[in-house]
N, C-alpha and C. Protein backbone atom coordinates (compact mmCIF):
# COMPACT_ATOMS: atom_id res chain seq x y z
N UNK A 1 79.60 79.95 86.06
CA UNK A 1 80.00 79.98 84.67
C UNK A 1 80.23 81.41 84.19
N UNK A 2 79.50 82.37 84.75
CA UNK A 2 79.65 83.76 84.32
C UNK A 2 81.06 84.29 84.50
N UNK A 3 81.69 83.93 85.63
CA UNK A 3 83.05 84.38 85.88
C UNK A 3 84.00 83.81 84.84
N UNK A 4 83.77 82.56 84.44
CA UNK A 4 84.61 81.93 83.41
C UNK A 4 84.52 82.70 82.10
N UNK A 5 83.32 83.09 81.72
CA UNK A 5 83.14 83.83 80.47
C UNK A 5 83.70 85.24 80.56
N UNK A 6 83.74 85.80 81.77
CA UNK A 6 84.22 87.16 81.96
C UNK A 6 85.70 87.23 82.34
N UNK A 7 86.39 86.11 82.36
CA UNK A 7 87.78 86.10 82.82
C UNK A 7 88.67 87.05 82.02
N UNK A 8 88.59 87.02 80.71
CA UNK A 8 89.43 87.91 79.88
C UNK A 8 89.10 89.38 80.13
N UNK A 9 87.82 89.79 80.11
CA UNK A 9 87.52 91.19 80.40
C UNK A 9 87.91 91.60 81.82
N UNK A 10 87.78 90.69 82.79
CA UNK A 10 88.20 91.00 84.16
C UNK A 10 89.69 91.28 84.18
N UNK A 11 90.48 90.43 83.53
CA UNK A 11 91.93 90.62 83.48
C UNK A 11 92.30 91.93 82.82
N UNK A 12 91.59 92.28 81.75
CA UNK A 12 91.87 93.55 81.07
C UNK A 12 91.54 94.74 81.98
N UNK A 13 90.44 94.65 82.71
CA UNK A 13 90.07 95.73 83.62
C UNK A 13 91.07 95.87 84.76
N UNK A 14 91.52 94.76 85.29
CA UNK A 14 92.53 94.80 86.36
C UNK A 14 93.81 95.46 85.85
N UNK A 15 94.23 95.07 84.65
CA UNK A 15 95.45 95.65 84.07
C UNK A 15 95.29 97.15 83.84
N UNK A 16 94.16 97.56 83.30
CA UNK A 16 93.91 98.99 83.07
C UNK A 16 93.87 99.76 84.38
N UNK A 17 93.24 99.17 85.39
CA UNK A 17 93.17 99.83 86.70
C UNK A 17 94.56 100.01 87.27
N UNK A 18 95.37 98.96 87.23
CA UNK A 18 96.73 99.04 87.75
C UNK A 18 97.55 100.08 86.99
N UNK A 19 97.46 100.07 85.68
CA UNK A 19 98.21 101.06 84.89
C UNK A 19 97.79 102.49 85.21
N UNK A 20 96.50 102.68 85.48
CA UNK A 20 96.01 104.02 85.79
C UNK A 20 96.44 104.48 87.18
N UNK A 21 96.73 103.54 88.08
CA UNK A 21 97.03 103.90 89.46
C UNK A 21 98.51 103.85 89.82
N UNK A 22 99.33 103.26 88.97
CA UNK A 22 100.77 103.19 89.24
C UNK A 22 101.48 104.16 88.31
N UNK A 23 102.10 105.15 88.89
CA UNK A 23 102.80 106.18 88.11
C UNK A 23 104.23 106.32 88.60
N UNK A 24 105.18 106.22 87.70
CA UNK A 24 106.59 106.37 88.03
C UNK A 24 107.01 105.47 89.19
N UNK A 25 106.44 104.26 89.23
CA UNK A 25 106.78 103.31 90.28
C UNK A 25 106.15 103.61 91.63
N UNK A 26 105.25 104.58 91.69
CA UNK A 26 104.60 104.94 92.95
C UNK A 26 103.23 104.28 93.05
N UNK A 27 102.96 103.63 94.17
CA UNK A 27 101.69 102.97 94.42
C UNK A 27 101.56 102.79 95.93
N UNK A 28 100.34 102.46 96.37
CA UNK A 28 100.13 102.18 97.79
C UNK A 28 99.04 101.13 97.94
N UNK A 29 98.70 100.80 99.16
CA UNK A 29 97.73 99.75 99.45
C UNK A 29 96.33 100.07 98.91
N UNK A 30 96.03 101.33 98.65
CA UNK A 30 94.71 101.72 98.15
C UNK A 30 94.41 101.09 96.79
N UNK A 31 95.43 100.69 96.08
CA UNK A 31 95.23 100.06 94.77
C UNK A 31 94.43 98.77 94.92
N UNK A 32 94.55 98.09 96.06
CA UNK A 32 93.81 96.84 96.28
C UNK A 32 92.30 97.06 96.19
N UNK A 33 91.82 98.14 96.79
CA UNK A 33 90.38 98.43 96.74
C UNK A 33 89.90 98.71 95.32
N UNK A 34 90.69 99.45 94.57
CA UNK A 34 90.31 99.79 93.19
C UNK A 34 90.31 98.55 92.30
N UNK A 35 91.28 97.67 92.50
CA UNK A 35 91.31 96.43 91.72
C UNK A 35 90.11 95.55 92.08
N UNK A 36 89.79 95.47 93.37
CA UNK A 36 88.63 94.70 93.78
C UNK A 36 87.36 95.27 93.13
N UNK A 37 87.25 96.58 93.07
CA UNK A 37 86.09 97.20 92.41
C UNK A 37 86.00 96.80 90.95
N UNK A 38 87.15 96.77 90.27
CA UNK A 38 87.12 96.41 88.84
C UNK A 38 86.72 94.95 88.64
N UNK A 39 87.04 94.09 89.60
CA UNK A 39 86.63 92.68 89.51
C UNK A 39 85.14 92.54 89.80
N UNK A 40 84.68 93.19 90.86
CA UNK A 40 83.28 93.07 91.26
C UNK A 40 82.32 93.69 90.23
N UNK A 41 82.82 94.56 89.39
CA UNK A 41 81.97 95.15 88.35
C UNK A 41 81.41 94.08 87.41
N UNK A 42 82.10 92.94 87.35
CA UNK A 42 81.65 91.84 86.49
C UNK A 42 80.80 90.83 87.25
N UNK A 43 80.46 91.14 88.51
CA UNK A 43 79.61 90.29 89.34
C UNK A 43 80.11 88.85 89.36
N UNK A 44 81.32 88.63 89.94
CA UNK A 44 81.83 87.26 90.03
C UNK A 44 80.83 86.36 90.75
N UNK A 45 80.91 85.09 90.50
CA UNK A 45 79.92 84.15 91.02
C UNK A 45 79.64 84.36 92.50
N UNK A 46 78.40 84.17 92.88
CA UNK A 46 77.97 84.42 94.25
C UNK A 46 78.77 83.59 95.24
N UNK A 47 79.08 82.35 94.90
CA UNK A 47 79.84 81.51 95.84
C UNK A 47 81.22 82.10 96.11
N UNK A 48 81.86 82.66 95.10
CA UNK A 48 83.17 83.29 95.31
C UNK A 48 83.03 84.53 96.18
N UNK A 49 81.98 85.28 95.97
CA UNK A 49 81.77 86.52 96.71
C UNK A 49 81.43 86.28 98.17
N UNK A 50 80.97 85.07 98.51
CA UNK A 50 80.54 84.82 99.88
C UNK A 50 81.48 83.90 100.66
N UNK A 51 82.64 83.59 100.12
CA UNK A 51 83.56 82.71 100.83
C UNK A 51 84.05 83.32 102.14
N UNK A 52 84.18 84.60 102.22
CA UNK A 52 84.63 85.26 103.44
C UNK A 52 83.46 85.97 104.07
N UNK A 53 83.32 85.84 105.37
CA UNK A 53 82.19 86.45 106.06
C UNK A 53 82.22 87.97 106.01
N UNK A 54 83.40 88.55 105.94
CA UNK A 54 83.47 90.02 105.93
C UNK A 54 83.24 90.60 104.54
N UNK A 55 83.06 89.76 103.53
CA UNK A 55 82.76 90.24 102.18
C UNK A 55 83.96 90.70 101.39
N UNK A 56 85.16 90.53 101.94
CA UNK A 56 86.37 90.96 101.24
C UNK A 56 86.78 89.93 100.21
N UNK A 57 86.97 90.36 99.00
CA UNK A 57 87.46 89.49 97.95
C UNK A 57 88.98 89.39 98.09
N UNK A 58 89.54 88.19 98.25
CA UNK A 58 90.99 88.09 98.41
C UNK A 58 91.71 88.58 97.15
N UNK A 59 92.58 89.55 97.34
CA UNK A 59 93.31 90.15 96.22
C UNK A 59 94.81 90.05 96.48
N UNK A 60 95.56 89.64 95.46
CA UNK A 60 97.02 89.65 95.51
C UNK A 60 97.48 90.31 94.22
N UNK A 61 98.29 91.33 94.36
CA UNK A 61 98.81 92.04 93.19
C UNK A 61 100.33 91.96 93.19
N UNK A 62 100.88 91.42 92.12
CA UNK A 62 102.33 91.42 91.95
C UNK A 62 102.68 92.65 91.12
N UNK A 63 103.51 93.52 91.69
CA UNK A 63 103.99 94.71 90.99
C UNK A 63 105.25 94.30 90.24
N UNK A 64 105.25 94.49 88.92
CA UNK A 64 106.40 94.11 88.10
C UNK A 64 106.96 95.33 87.38
N UNK A 65 108.24 95.28 87.09
CA UNK A 65 108.87 96.36 86.34
C UNK A 65 108.74 96.09 84.84
N UNK A 66 109.33 96.94 84.03
CA UNK A 66 109.22 96.80 82.57
C UNK A 66 109.85 95.50 82.05
N UNK A 67 110.77 94.93 82.83
CA UNK A 67 111.41 93.67 82.44
C UNK A 67 110.62 92.46 82.96
N UNK A 68 109.41 92.72 83.49
CA UNK A 68 108.52 91.68 84.01
C UNK A 68 109.07 91.01 85.26
N UNK A 69 109.98 91.71 85.99
CA UNK A 69 110.51 91.19 87.24
C UNK A 69 109.63 91.70 88.38
N UNK A 70 109.23 90.79 89.27
CA UNK A 70 108.40 91.19 90.40
C UNK A 70 109.23 92.02 91.37
N UNK A 71 108.72 93.21 91.70
CA UNK A 71 109.43 94.07 92.63
C UNK A 71 108.70 94.21 93.96
N UNK A 72 107.42 93.82 93.99
CA UNK A 72 106.66 93.92 95.23
C UNK A 72 105.37 93.09 95.07
N UNK A 73 104.79 92.72 96.19
CA UNK A 73 103.49 92.05 96.20
C UNK A 73 102.61 92.72 97.23
N UNK A 74 101.39 93.06 96.82
CA UNK A 74 100.39 93.63 97.73
C UNK A 74 99.28 92.61 97.89
N UNK A 75 98.76 92.46 99.09
CA UNK A 75 97.67 91.53 99.33
C UNK A 75 96.79 92.04 100.47
N UNK A 76 95.53 91.68 100.43
CA UNK A 76 94.62 92.06 101.50
C UNK A 76 94.29 90.85 102.36
N UNK A 77 95.04 89.76 102.21
CA UNK A 77 94.85 88.56 103.02
C UNK A 77 96.03 88.40 103.95
N UNK A 78 95.80 87.67 105.03
CA UNK A 78 96.90 87.48 105.97
C UNK A 78 97.60 86.17 105.76
């Protein structure tokens, strides 16, 4: 239930993190780790955190331009 209550603040933190790390259209795979850190700061439910044995939280980031068109997708899952 905690993750449900924290959904809006998690989304705001992810957006702020992405805005802070993407400059002039430049970004790299390292953004995935920073976004994961911003999510884990809210201590998502233990069951979500333990779904993968390696402890990696599955992250998918759609990079969009000012017109909200997706220009790239980054993910740490295969």
